[in-house]
């Protein structure tokens, strides 16, 4: 049976790192008669406020390829920095299974960052290339196998600073079962990242790596 043409989801939560927050998402399905999904999402939390609209077009020119177009307004207030801005992005994902795919695209945003009492304004054009390879037994409840994914983001920055840099991350997970029926599973995950071509404080605060929390 067809699903409802419109859905509304509302949620609220608390975490020790992000504080109290509420979010809502409104979705319209098949608005343009090609299995598309149009969503509008808003998040109101202690450290994050965001309004985003996204159009997802499945099977774009070939099977299992999805085109996503999105625009957003955002404001972050963290212990390390404050950031306000507008952004737009477009990307294409080609899937080879439920959780195996590669994605490429680009994003443009303008933002103002305040850090240690100093304000800086930026315009940034960022490319995107990412992949995910899943060889685990189940995408939601794996008991054996492994996963690996990675992402590179070359960025051209202008404004109060002009800079070209590359941000890259990759992570891997492994699952090892013990006992009859895999009643116990040992899971491990390792994630590493690097920024090439940019040093702090030239790289905007919102694009750096942070630890702790």
N, C-alpha and C. Protein backbone atom coordinates (compact mmCIF):
# COMPACT_ATOMS: atom_id res chain seq x y z
N UNK A 1 0.85 -1.19 0.00
CA UNK A 1 0.00 0.00 0.00
C UNK A 1 0.89 1.24 0.00
N UNK A 2 0.37 2.30 -0.59
CA UNK A 2 1.09 3.57 -0.59
C UNK A 2 1.20 4.10 0.83
N UNK A 3 2.34 4.70 1.14
CA UNK A 3 2.48 5.37 2.44
C UNK A 3 1.77 6.71 2.37
N UNK A 4 1.50 7.35 3.52
CA UNK A 4 0.88 8.67 3.49
C UNK A 4 1.74 9.65 2.69
N UNK A 5 1.10 10.55 1.97
CA UNK A 5 1.83 11.52 1.17
C UNK A 5 2.59 12.53 2.01
N UNK A 6 2.18 12.71 3.27
CA UNK A 6 2.82 13.68 4.16
C UNK A 6 3.04 13.05 5.52
N UNK A 7 4.16 13.36 6.16
CA UNK A 7 4.41 12.90 7.52
C UNK A 7 5.01 14.04 8.33
N UNK A 8 4.76 14.00 9.63
CA UNK A 8 5.32 14.97 10.56
C UNK A 8 5.91 14.21 11.74
N UNK A 9 7.19 14.43 12.02
CA UNK A 9 7.85 13.79 13.15
C UNK A 9 8.36 14.86 14.10
N UNK A 10 8.16 14.63 15.40
CA UNK A 10 8.59 15.57 16.42
C UNK A 10 9.31 14.79 17.51
N UNK A 11 10.43 15.32 18.00
CA UNK A 11 11.19 14.63 19.04
C UNK A 11 11.82 15.61 20.00
N UNK A 12 12.17 15.12 21.18
CA UNK A 12 12.86 15.92 22.19
C UNK A 12 13.84 15.02 22.92
N UNK A 13 14.93 15.60 23.40
CA UNK A 13 15.91 14.78 24.09
C UNK A 13 16.87 15.61 24.92
N UNK A 14 17.71 14.89 25.64
CA UNK A 14 18.74 15.53 26.46
C UNK A 14 20.01 14.69 26.37
N UNK A 15 21.14 15.34 26.23
CA UNK A 15 22.42 14.66 26.32
C UNK A 15 23.39 15.53 27.11
N UNK A 16 24.36 14.88 27.74
CA UNK A 16 25.30 15.62 28.57
C UNK A 16 26.21 16.54 27.75
N UNK A 17 26.36 16.25 26.45
CA UNK A 17 27.21 17.10 25.61
C UNK A 17 26.42 18.21 24.91
N UNK A 18 25.17 17.92 24.52
CA UNK A 18 24.40 18.89 23.74
C UNK A 18 23.30 19.58 24.53
N UNK A 19 22.98 19.09 25.73
CA UNK A 19 21.93 19.70 26.52
C UNK A 19 20.55 19.29 26.04
N UNK A 20 19.56 20.14 26.34
CA UNK A 20 18.17 19.89 25.97
C UNK A 20 17.93 20.36 24.54
N UNK A 21 17.13 19.58 23.79
CA UNK A 21 16.82 19.98 22.43
C UNK A 21 15.52 19.39 21.94
N UNK A 22 14.91 20.06 20.97
CA UNK A 22 13.71 19.56 20.30
C UNK A 22 13.95 19.65 18.80
N UNK A 23 13.29 18.77 18.05
CA UNK A 23 13.42 18.81 16.60
C UNK A 23 12.12 18.35 15.96
N UNK A 24 11.90 18.82 14.75
CA UNK A 24 10.70 18.45 14.00
C UNK A 24 11.06 18.31 12.53
N UNK A 25 10.41 17.36 11.85
CA UNK A 25 10.65 17.14 10.42
C UNK A 25 9.32 16.92 9.70
N UNK A 26 9.11 17.71 8.66
CA UNK A 26 7.93 17.58 7.82
C UNK A 26 8.37 17.06 6.46
N UNK A 27 7.71 16.02 5.97
CA UNK A 27 8.11 15.40 4.70
C UNK A 27 6.91 15.27 3.77
N UNK A 28 7.15 15.52 2.50
CA UNK A 28 6.17 15.27 1.43
C UNK A 28 6.79 14.29 0.45
N UNK A 29 6.03 13.26 0.08
CA UNK A 29 6.53 12.20 -0.78
C UNK A 29 5.89 12.28 -2.16
N UNK A 30 6.71 12.01 -3.17
CA UNK A 30 6.24 11.96 -4.56
C UNK A 30 5.60 13.28 -4.99
N UNK A 31 6.16 14.38 -4.52
CA UNK A 31 5.62 15.69 -4.86
C UNK A 31 5.70 15.96 -6.35
N UNK A 32 6.74 15.45 -7.02
CA UNK A 32 6.95 15.70 -8.44
C UNK A 32 6.72 14.45 -9.28
N UNK A 33 6.11 13.42 -8.66
CA UNK A 33 5.71 12.24 -9.40
C UNK A 33 6.83 11.32 -9.82
N UNK A 34 7.97 11.36 -9.10
CA UNK A 34 9.07 10.48 -9.48
C UNK A 34 9.71 9.83 -8.25
N UNK A 35 8.91 9.57 -7.24
CA UNK A 35 9.39 8.91 -6.03
C UNK A 35 10.27 9.78 -5.16
N UNK A 36 10.18 11.09 -5.33
CA UNK A 36 11.03 12.03 -4.61
C UNK A 36 10.56 12.24 -3.17
N UNK A 37 11.44 12.80 -2.35
CA UNK A 37 11.13 13.14 -0.97
C UNK A 37 11.58 14.57 -0.71
N UNK A 38 10.65 15.40 -0.24
CA UNK A 38 10.95 16.78 0.12
C UNK A 38 10.78 16.91 1.62
N UNK A 39 11.84 17.30 2.33
CA UNK A 39 11.78 17.40 3.78
C UNK A 39 12.20 18.79 4.24
N UNK A 40 11.57 19.23 5.31
CA UNK A 40 11.95 20.46 6.01
C UNK A 40 12.17 20.08 7.47
N UNK A 41 13.37 20.35 7.97
CA UNK A 41 13.73 19.94 9.33
C UNK A 41 14.20 21.14 10.12
N UNK A 42 13.79 21.21 11.38
CA UNK A 42 14.26 22.26 12.27
C UNK A 42 14.74 21.64 13.57
N UNK A 43 15.84 22.18 14.09
CA UNK A 43 16.43 21.71 15.35
C UNK A 43 16.63 22.93 16.25
N UNK A 44 16.16 22.81 17.48
CA UNK A 44 16.35 23.87 18.48
C UNK A 44 16.95 23.21 19.71
N UNK A 45 18.24 23.44 19.94
CA UNK A 45 18.94 22.86 21.08
C UNK A 45 19.83 23.91 21.71
N UNK A 46 20.40 23.58 22.86
CA UNK A 46 21.20 24.55 23.58
C UNK A 46 22.43 24.99 22.81
N UNK A 47 23.04 24.08 22.05
CA UNK A 47 24.25 24.47 21.31
C UNK A 47 24.02 24.51 19.81
N UNK A 48 22.83 24.15 19.33
CA UNK A 48 22.59 24.08 17.88
C UNK A 48 21.18 24.53 17.55
N UNK A 49 21.08 25.39 16.53
CA UNK A 49 19.80 25.78 15.95
C UNK A 49 19.96 25.70 14.43
N UNK A 50 19.02 25.01 13.79
CA UNK A 50 19.18 24.76 12.36
C UNK A 50 17.82 24.62 11.69
N UNK A 51 17.72 25.18 10.47
CA UNK A 51 16.55 25.01 9.62
C UNK A 51 17.06 24.56 8.26
N UNK A 52 16.60 23.39 7.79
CA UNK A 52 17.13 22.81 6.55
C UNK A 52 15.99 22.28 5.69
N UNK A 53 16.09 22.51 4.40
CA UNK A 53 15.17 21.94 3.42
C UNK A 53 15.98 21.09 2.45
N UNK A 54 15.48 19.87 2.13
CA UNK A 54 16.21 18.96 1.25
C UNK A 54 15.26 18.28 0.29
N UNK A 55 15.67 18.19 -0.97
CA UNK A 55 14.94 17.44 -1.99
C UNK A 55 15.80 16.26 -2.41
N UNK A 56 15.23 15.05 -2.31
CA UNK A 56 15.93 13.82 -2.66
C UNK A 56 15.26 13.19 -3.86
N UNK A 57 16.03 12.96 -4.93
CA UNK A 57 15.52 12.38 -6.17
C UNK A 57 16.16 11.02 -6.40
N UNK A 58 15.44 9.91 -6.17
CA UNK A 58 16.03 8.58 -6.33
C UNK A 58 16.15 8.18 -7.80
N UNK A 59 17.04 7.21 -8.06
CA UNK A 59 17.25 6.66 -9.41
C UNK A 59 17.49 7.78 -10.42
N UNK A 60 18.41 8.67 -10.07
CA UNK A 60 18.73 9.82 -10.91
C UNK A 60 19.60 9.38 -12.08
N UNK A 61 18.98 9.22 -13.25
CA UNK A 61 19.62 8.85 -14.51
C UNK A 61 20.12 7.41 -14.57
N UNK A 62 20.17 6.72 -13.43
CA UNK A 62 20.49 5.30 -13.44
C UNK A 62 20.01 4.70 -12.12
N UNK A 63 19.79 3.37 -12.06
CA UNK A 63 19.28 2.76 -10.83
C UNK A 63 20.22 2.97 -9.65
N UNK A 64 19.62 3.10 -8.47
CA UNK A 64 20.34 3.19 -7.20
C UNK A 64 21.24 4.41 -7.09
N UNK A 65 20.97 5.44 -7.87
CA UNK A 65 21.69 6.71 -7.75
C UNK A 65 20.71 7.77 -7.26
N UNK A 66 21.09 8.51 -6.22
CA UNK A 66 20.21 9.51 -5.62
C UNK A 66 20.87 10.88 -5.66
N UNK A 67 20.13 11.86 -6.17
CA UNK A 67 20.56 13.25 -6.17
C UNK A 67 19.88 13.97 -5.00
N UNK A 68 20.68 14.68 -4.19
CA UNK A 68 20.14 15.45 -3.08
C UNK A 68 20.52 16.92 -3.24
N UNK A 69 19.53 17.80 -3.11
CA UNK A 69 19.73 19.24 -3.13
C UNK A 69 19.22 19.80 -1.82
N UNK A 70 20.01 20.67 -1.17
CA UNK A 70 19.62 21.14 0.16
C UNK A 70 20.11 22.56 0.39
N UNK A 71 19.40 23.25 1.28
CA UNK A 71 19.80 24.58 1.75
C UNK A 71 19.48 24.67 3.24
N UNK A 72 20.31 25.43 3.97
CA UNK A 72 20.10 25.50 5.41
C UNK A 72 20.58 26.83 5.97
N UNK A 73 20.01 27.17 7.13
CA UNK A 73 20.49 28.25 7.97
C UNK A 73 20.84 27.64 9.32
N UNK A 74 21.96 28.05 9.91
CA UNK A 74 22.40 27.38 11.13
C UNK A 74 23.03 28.38 12.09
N UNK A 75 23.01 28.03 13.38
CA UNK A 75 23.66 28.79 14.43
C UNK A 75 24.14 27.82 15.50
N UNK A 76 25.43 27.80 15.77
CA UNK A 76 26.02 26.94 16.78
C UNK A 76 26.63 27.79 17.88
N UNK A 77 26.38 27.41 19.12
CA UNK A 77 26.98 28.08 20.27
C UNK A 77 27.62 27.01 21.15
N UNK A 78 28.92 26.83 20.99
CA UNK A 78 29.65 25.79 21.71
C UNK A 78 30.62 26.42 22.70
N UNK A 79 31.25 25.56 23.52
CA UNK A 79 32.25 26.06 24.45
C UNK A 79 33.49 26.57 23.73
N UNK A 80 33.73 26.07 22.52
CA UNK A 80 34.94 26.46 21.78
C UNK A 80 34.72 27.67 20.87
N UNK A 81 33.53 27.81 20.29
CA UNK A 81 33.28 28.86 19.31
C UNK A 81 31.78 29.05 19.11
N UNK A 82 31.40 30.18 18.49
CA UNK A 82 30.04 30.43 18.04
C UNK A 82 30.09 30.63 16.53
N UNK A 83 29.08 30.10 15.81
CA UNK A 83 29.07 30.21 14.35
C UNK A 83 27.65 30.38 13.85
N UNK A 84 27.46 31.31 12.90
CA UNK A 84 26.17 31.55 12.27
C UNK A 84 26.39 31.61 10.76
N UNK A 85 25.47 30.98 9.99
CA UNK A 85 25.69 31.01 8.56
C UNK A 85 24.55 30.46 7.74
N UNK A 86 24.74 30.51 6.42
CA UNK A 86 23.82 29.96 5.43
C UNK A 86 24.61 29.05 4.51
N UNK A 87 23.99 27.96 4.06
CA UNK A 87 24.68 27.04 3.18
C UNK A 87 23.76 26.37 2.19
N UNK A 88 24.34 25.90 1.08
CA UNK A 88 23.62 25.14 0.07
C UNK A 88 24.54 24.04 -0.43
N UNK A 89 23.97 22.87 -0.74
CA UNK A 89 24.80 21.76 -1.20
C UNK A 89 24.05 20.92 -2.24
N UNK A 90 24.82 20.17 -3.01
CA UNK A 90 24.28 19.20 -3.97
C UNK A 90 25.22 18.01 -3.97
N UNK A 91 24.68 16.81 -3.89
CA UNK A 91 25.52 15.62 -3.94
C UNK A 91 24.77 14.46 -4.58
N UNK A 92 25.53 13.50 -5.06
CA UNK A 92 25.00 12.30 -5.71
C UNK A 92 25.56 11.08 -4.99
N UNK A 93 24.69 10.15 -4.62
CA UNK A 93 25.08 8.91 -3.97
C UNK A 93 24.74 7.74 -4.87
N UNK A 94 25.73 6.90 -5.13
CA UNK A 94 25.52 5.67 -5.90
C UNK A 94 25.63 4.49 -4.95
N UNK A 95 24.56 3.72 -4.80
CA UNK A 95 24.54 2.60 -3.86
C UNK A 95 24.81 1.28 -4.57
N UNK A 96 25.50 0.40 -3.85
CA UNK A 96 25.77 -0.95 -4.32
C UNK A 96 25.21 -1.99 -3.35
N UNK A 97 24.45 -1.54 -2.37
CA UNK A 97 23.82 -2.38 -1.36
C UNK A 97 23.15 -1.47 -0.35
N UNK A 98 22.60 -2.06 0.71
CA UNK A 98 21.88 -1.25 1.68
C UNK A 98 22.78 -0.20 2.33
N UNK A 99 24.02 -0.58 2.63
CA UNK A 99 24.92 0.34 3.33
C UNK A 99 26.29 0.43 2.67
N UNK A 100 26.40 0.09 1.40
CA UNK A 100 27.63 0.24 0.64
C UNK A 100 27.40 1.23 -0.49
N UNK A 101 28.19 2.30 -0.54
CA UNK A 101 27.93 3.37 -1.51
C UNK A 101 29.14 4.29 -1.62
N UNK A 102 29.11 5.16 -2.65
CA UNK A 102 30.04 6.28 -2.67
C UNK A 102 29.25 7.53 -3.02
N UNK A 103 29.74 8.68 -2.56
CA UNK A 103 29.05 9.96 -2.71
C UNK A 103 30.05 11.01 -3.17
N UNK A 104 29.61 11.90 -4.06
CA UNK A 104 30.42 13.04 -4.45
C UNK A 104 29.51 14.24 -4.62
N UNK A 105 30.04 15.44 -4.35
CA UNK A 105 29.22 16.63 -4.44
C UNK A 105 30.00 17.87 -4.04
N UNK A 106 29.26 18.96 -3.76
CA UNK A 106 29.88 20.23 -3.41
C UNK A 106 28.93 21.01 -2.51
N UNK A 107 29.51 21.91 -1.73
CA UNK A 107 28.75 22.76 -0.82
C UNK A 107 29.34 24.17 -0.84
N UNK A 108 28.44 25.17 -0.77
CA UNK A 108 28.86 26.57 -0.64
C UNK A 108 28.18 27.15 0.58
N UNK A 109 28.95 27.84 1.41
CA UNK A 109 28.33 28.48 2.57
C UNK A 109 29.06 29.77 2.92
N UNK A 110 28.32 30.66 3.57
CA UNK A 110 28.87 31.89 4.13
C UNK A 110 28.59 31.85 5.63
N UNK A 111 29.56 32.29 6.43
CA UNK A 111 29.41 32.16 7.88
C UNK A 111 30.20 33.23 8.60
N UNK A 112 29.80 33.45 9.85
CA UNK A 112 30.53 34.32 10.78
C UNK A 112 30.89 33.49 12.00
N UNK A 113 32.16 33.48 12.36
CA UNK A 113 32.64 32.69 13.49
C UNK A 113 33.21 33.63 14.55
N UNK A 114 32.80 33.40 15.79
CA UNK A 114 33.33 34.15 16.92
C UNK A 114 34.10 33.19 17.82
N UNK A 115 35.38 33.51 18.06
CA UNK A 115 36.25 32.63 18.85
C UNK A 115 37.15 33.50 19.71
N UNK A 116 37.09 33.31 21.02
CA UNK A 116 37.89 34.07 21.97
C UNK A 116 37.74 35.57 21.75
N UNK A 117 36.49 36.00 21.51
CA UNK A 117 36.20 37.41 21.36
C UNK A 117 36.51 38.00 20.01
N UNK A 118 37.00 37.20 19.07
CA UNK A 118 37.33 37.68 17.73
C UNK A 118 36.35 37.13 16.72
N UNK A 119 35.79 38.03 15.88
CA UNK A 119 34.83 37.61 14.85
C UNK A 119 35.52 37.59 13.49
N UNK A 120 35.22 36.53 12.71
CA UNK A 120 35.75 36.41 11.35
C UNK A 120 34.63 35.97 10.42
N UNK A 121 34.65 36.50 9.19
CA UNK A 121 33.65 36.18 8.18
C UNK A 121 34.30 35.40 7.04
N UNK A 122 33.57 34.35 6.58
CA UNK A 122 34.12 33.48 5.55
C UNK A 122 33.08 33.18 4.49
N UNK A 123 33.56 32.90 3.28
CA UNK A 123 32.79 32.23 2.24
C UNK A 123 33.62 31.02 1.83
N UNK A 124 32.99 29.84 1.75
CA UNK A 124 33.73 28.62 1.51
C UNK A 124 33.05 27.77 0.44
N UNK A 125 33.85 27.23 -0.46
CA UNK A 125 33.39 26.25 -1.44
C UNK A 125 34.09 24.94 -1.11
N UNK A 126 33.30 23.90 -0.82
CA UNK A 126 33.85 22.63 -0.34
C UNK A 126 33.41 21.49 -1.26
N UNK A 127 34.35 20.70 -1.71
CA UNK A 127 34.03 19.50 -2.45
C UNK A 127 33.84 18.33 -1.50
N UNK A 128 33.21 17.28 -1.97
CA UNK A 128 32.95 16.11 -1.13
C UNK A 128 33.18 14.84 -1.93
N UNK A 129 33.93 13.93 -1.34
CA UNK A 129 34.06 12.58 -1.86
C UNK A 129 34.06 11.62 -0.69
N UNK A 130 33.15 10.65 -0.68
CA UNK A 130 33.09 9.72 0.45
C UNK A 130 32.67 8.33 -0.04
N UNK A 131 32.99 7.34 0.79
CA UNK A 131 32.59 5.98 0.46
C UNK A 131 32.29 5.23 1.75
N UNK A 132 31.52 4.16 1.63
CA UNK A 132 31.24 3.26 2.75
C UNK A 132 31.17 1.85 2.21
N UNK A 133 31.92 0.94 2.83
CA UNK A 133 31.94 -0.46 2.45
C UNK A 133 31.56 -1.29 3.66
N UNK A 134 30.48 -2.04 3.55
CA UNK A 134 29.92 -2.79 4.68
C UNK A 134 29.97 -4.28 4.38
N UNK A 135 30.75 -4.99 5.17
CA UNK A 135 30.82 -6.44 5.06
C UNK A 135 30.45 -7.09 6.39
N UNK A 136 29.52 -6.45 7.11
CA UNK A 136 29.03 -7.01 8.37
C UNK A 136 27.78 -7.84 8.09
N UNK A 137 27.36 -8.59 9.10
CA UNK A 137 26.25 -9.52 8.91
C UNK A 137 24.89 -8.83 8.85
N UNK A 138 24.78 -7.65 9.43
CA UNK A 138 23.49 -6.96 9.47
C UNK A 138 23.75 -5.47 9.63
N UNK A 139 23.03 -4.60 8.89
CA UNK A 139 23.30 -3.16 8.99
C UNK A 139 22.90 -2.57 10.34
N UNK A 140 21.95 -3.18 11.06
CA UNK A 140 21.47 -2.63 12.32
C UNK A 140 21.97 -3.40 13.53
N UNK A 141 22.19 -4.70 13.41
CA UNK A 141 22.58 -5.53 14.55
C UNK A 141 23.66 -6.52 14.13
N UNK A 142 24.87 -6.04 13.80
CA UNK A 142 25.90 -6.95 13.30
C UNK A 142 26.46 -7.84 14.40
N UNK A 143 26.74 -9.09 14.07
CA UNK A 143 27.39 -10.02 15.00
C UNK A 143 28.75 -10.49 14.48
N UNK A 144 29.03 -10.25 13.21
CA UNK A 144 30.37 -10.55 12.68
C UNK A 144 30.59 -9.70 11.43
N UNK A 145 31.85 -9.66 11.00
CA UNK A 145 32.19 -8.89 9.81
C UNK A 145 32.87 -7.57 10.14
N UNK A 146 32.90 -6.67 9.16
CA UNK A 146 33.60 -5.40 9.32
C UNK A 146 32.98 -4.33 8.42
N UNK A 147 33.32 -3.09 8.74
CA UNK A 147 32.88 -1.94 7.95
C UNK A 147 34.04 -0.95 7.86
N UNK A 148 34.07 -0.20 6.76
CA UNK A 148 35.05 0.87 6.62
C UNK A 148 34.43 2.00 5.80
N UNK A 149 34.71 3.22 6.18
CA UNK A 149 34.24 4.36 5.40
C UNK A 149 35.27 5.47 5.47
N UNK A 150 35.18 6.41 4.54
CA UNK A 150 36.12 7.52 4.49
C UNK A 150 35.52 8.72 3.78
N UNK A 151 36.11 9.88 4.02
CA UNK A 151 35.59 11.12 3.43
C UNK A 151 36.72 12.11 3.25
N UNK A 152 36.75 12.79 2.10
CA UNK A 152 37.69 13.88 1.84
C UNK A 152 36.89 15.12 1.46
N UNK A 153 37.35 16.29 1.96
CA UNK A 153 36.67 17.56 1.72
C UNK A 153 37.69 18.63 1.36
N UNK A 154 38.03 18.80 0.08
CA UNK A 154 38.88 19.91 -0.32
C UNK A 154 38.09 21.22 -0.23
N UNK A 155 38.69 22.25 0.35
CA UNK A 155 37.98 23.49 0.64
C UNK A 155 38.77 24.70 0.18
N UNK A 156 38.09 25.61 -0.51
CA UNK A 156 38.64 26.92 -0.86
C UNK A 156 37.93 27.97 -0.03
N UNK A 157 38.71 28.75 0.71
CA UNK A 157 38.17 29.70 1.69
C UNK A 157 38.57 31.11 1.31
N UNK A 158 37.62 32.05 1.45
CA UNK A 158 37.93 33.45 1.23
C UNK A 158 37.17 34.27 2.26
N UNK A 159 37.51 35.56 2.35
CA UNK A 159 36.91 36.43 3.36
C UNK A 159 37.99 37.05 4.20
N UNK A 160 37.87 36.94 5.53
CA UNK A 160 38.91 37.47 6.41
C UNK A 160 40.20 36.67 6.32
N UNK A 161 40.13 35.49 5.69
CA UNK A 161 41.34 34.70 5.42
C UNK A 161 41.13 33.96 4.11
N UNK A 162 42.19 33.82 3.33
CA UNK A 162 42.15 33.05 2.09
C UNK A 162 43.02 31.81 2.28
N UNK A 163 42.44 30.64 1.97
CA UNK A 163 43.13 29.41 2.32
C UNK A 163 42.59 28.27 1.46
N UNK A 164 43.49 27.36 1.08
CA UNK A 164 43.13 26.10 0.45
C UNK A 164 43.59 24.98 1.38
N UNK A 165 42.68 24.10 1.77
CA UNK A 165 43.08 22.99 2.63
C UNK A 165 42.21 21.77 2.35
N UNK A 166 42.67 20.63 2.86
CA UNK A 166 41.98 19.36 2.67
C UNK A 166 41.74 18.72 4.03
N UNK A 167 40.50 18.34 4.27
CA UNK A 167 40.14 17.64 5.50
C UNK A 167 39.73 16.22 5.13
N UNK A 168 40.35 15.23 5.78
CA UNK A 168 40.08 13.84 5.45
C UNK A 168 39.88 13.03 6.72
N UNK A 169 38.92 12.11 6.70
CA UNK A 169 38.68 11.22 7.83
C UNK A 169 38.40 9.82 7.31
N UNK A 170 38.71 8.82 8.11
CA UNK A 170 38.34 7.45 7.80
C UNK A 170 38.14 6.70 9.10
N UNK A 171 37.28 5.69 9.08
CA UNK A 171 37.07 4.87 10.26
C UNK A 171 36.73 3.44 9.85
N UNK A 172 37.08 2.51 10.74
CA UNK A 172 36.78 1.11 10.51
C UNK A 172 36.19 0.49 11.77
N UNK A 173 35.32 -0.49 11.59
CA UNK A 173 34.70 -1.23 12.69
C UNK A 173 34.82 -2.72 12.42
N UNK A 174 34.95 -3.51 13.49
CA UNK A 174 35.02 -4.95 13.36
C UNK A 174 34.18 -5.59 14.45
N UNK A 175 33.54 -6.74 14.12
CA UNK A 175 32.64 -7.42 15.05
C UNK A 175 33.05 -8.89 15.12
N UNK A 176 33.30 -9.37 16.35
CA UNK A 176 33.75 -10.73 16.57
C UNK A 176 32.79 -11.43 17.53
N UNK A 177 32.10 -12.50 17.08
CA UNK A 177 31.14 -13.18 17.95
C UNK A 177 31.81 -14.20 18.87
N UNK A 178 31.19 -14.40 20.05
CA UNK A 178 31.64 -15.42 21.00
C UNK A 178 30.43 -16.20 21.48
N UNK A 179 30.61 -17.48 21.74
CA UNK A 179 29.56 -18.31 22.29
C UNK A 179 28.62 -18.82 21.22
N UNK A 180 27.84 -19.82 21.58
CA UNK A 180 26.89 -20.42 20.66
C UNK A 180 25.78 -19.41 20.36
N UNK A 181 25.49 -19.25 19.09
CA UNK A 181 24.46 -18.30 18.69
C UNK A 181 24.90 -16.86 18.77
N UNK A 182 26.20 -16.62 18.91
CA UNK A 182 26.74 -15.25 18.97
C UNK A 182 26.03 -14.41 20.02
N UNK A 183 25.88 -15.00 21.22
CA UNK A 183 25.20 -14.27 22.29
C UNK A 183 26.02 -13.09 22.79
N UNK A 184 27.34 -13.17 22.61
CA UNK A 184 28.22 -12.07 22.99
C UNK A 184 29.03 -11.65 21.77
N UNK A 185 29.12 -10.36 21.54
CA UNK A 185 29.86 -9.83 20.39
C UNK A 185 30.83 -8.75 20.88
N UNK A 186 32.09 -8.90 20.53
CA UNK A 186 33.08 -7.86 20.80
C UNK A 186 33.16 -6.95 19.57
N UNK A 187 33.04 -5.65 19.81
CA UNK A 187 33.06 -4.68 18.71
C UNK A 187 34.13 -3.64 18.97
N UNK A 188 34.86 -3.29 17.93
CA UNK A 188 35.88 -2.25 18.04
C UNK A 188 35.77 -1.26 16.89
N UNK A 189 36.15 -0.01 17.17
CA UNK A 189 36.07 1.03 16.14
C UNK A 189 37.28 1.95 16.27
N UNK A 190 37.87 2.31 15.14
CA UNK A 190 39.00 3.23 15.10
C UNK A 190 38.71 4.31 14.06
N UNK A 191 38.89 5.58 14.45
CA UNK A 191 38.64 6.70 13.54
C UNK A 191 39.84 7.64 13.58
N UNK A 192 40.33 8.03 12.41
CA UNK A 192 41.47 8.95 12.31
C UNK A 192 41.12 10.04 11.30
N UNK A 193 41.77 11.19 11.47
CA UNK A 193 41.53 12.31 10.56
C UNK A 193 42.75 13.20 10.46
N UNK A 194 42.80 14.00 9.41
CA UNK A 194 43.93 14.89 9.19
C UNK A 194 43.44 16.11 8.41
N UNK A 195 44.06 17.27 8.68
CA UNK A 195 43.84 18.48 7.89
C UNK A 195 45.16 18.85 7.25
N UNK A 196 45.19 18.93 5.93
CA UNK A 196 46.40 19.25 5.18
C UNK A 196 46.28 20.63 4.54
N UNK A 197 47.33 21.43 4.65
CA UNK A 197 47.35 22.73 3.99
C UNK A 197 46.83 23.87 4.83
N UNK A 198 46.44 23.61 6.08
CA UNK A 198 45.92 24.67 6.94
C UNK A 198 46.33 24.45 8.38
N UNK A 199 46.64 25.54 9.07
CA UNK A 199 47.01 25.47 10.47
C UNK A 199 46.01 26.28 11.30
N UNK A 200 45.87 25.90 12.57
CA UNK A 200 45.08 26.70 13.49
C UNK A 200 45.87 27.98 13.80
N UNK A 201 45.25 29.18 13.77
CA UNK A 201 43.80 29.42 13.72
C UNK A 201 43.27 29.73 12.33
N UNK A 202 44.06 29.50 11.26
CA UNK A 202 43.59 29.86 9.92
C UNK A 202 42.37 29.04 9.52
N UNK A 203 42.34 27.73 9.85
CA UNK A 203 41.18 26.90 9.54
C UNK A 203 40.02 27.33 10.43
N UNK A 204 38.84 27.61 9.86
CA UNK A 204 37.69 28.03 10.67
C UNK A 204 37.37 27.04 11.78
N UNK A 205 36.91 27.54 12.91
CA UNK A 205 36.71 26.72 14.10
C UNK A 205 35.77 25.54 13.84
N UNK A 206 34.72 25.76 13.04
CA UNK A 206 33.74 24.71 12.81
C UNK A 206 34.25 23.57 11.95
N UNK A 207 35.44 23.69 11.34
CA UNK A 207 35.96 22.65 10.47
C UNK A 207 37.15 21.92 11.08
N UNK A 208 37.49 22.21 12.33
CA UNK A 208 38.61 21.56 12.99
C UNK A 208 38.15 20.26 13.63
N UNK A 209 39.11 19.53 14.20
CA UNK A 209 38.81 18.33 14.99
C UNK A 209 38.78 18.71 16.47
N UNK A 210 37.85 18.10 17.20
CA UNK A 210 37.75 18.34 18.63
C UNK A 210 37.70 17.00 19.35
N UNK A 211 38.27 16.96 20.56
CA UNK A 211 38.27 15.75 21.36
C UNK A 211 37.71 16.05 22.73
N UNK A 212 37.26 15.00 23.43
CA UNK A 212 36.74 15.17 24.77
C UNK A 212 35.24 15.36 24.77
N UNK A 213 34.70 15.76 25.92
CA UNK A 213 33.25 15.98 26.01
C UNK A 213 32.60 14.84 26.79
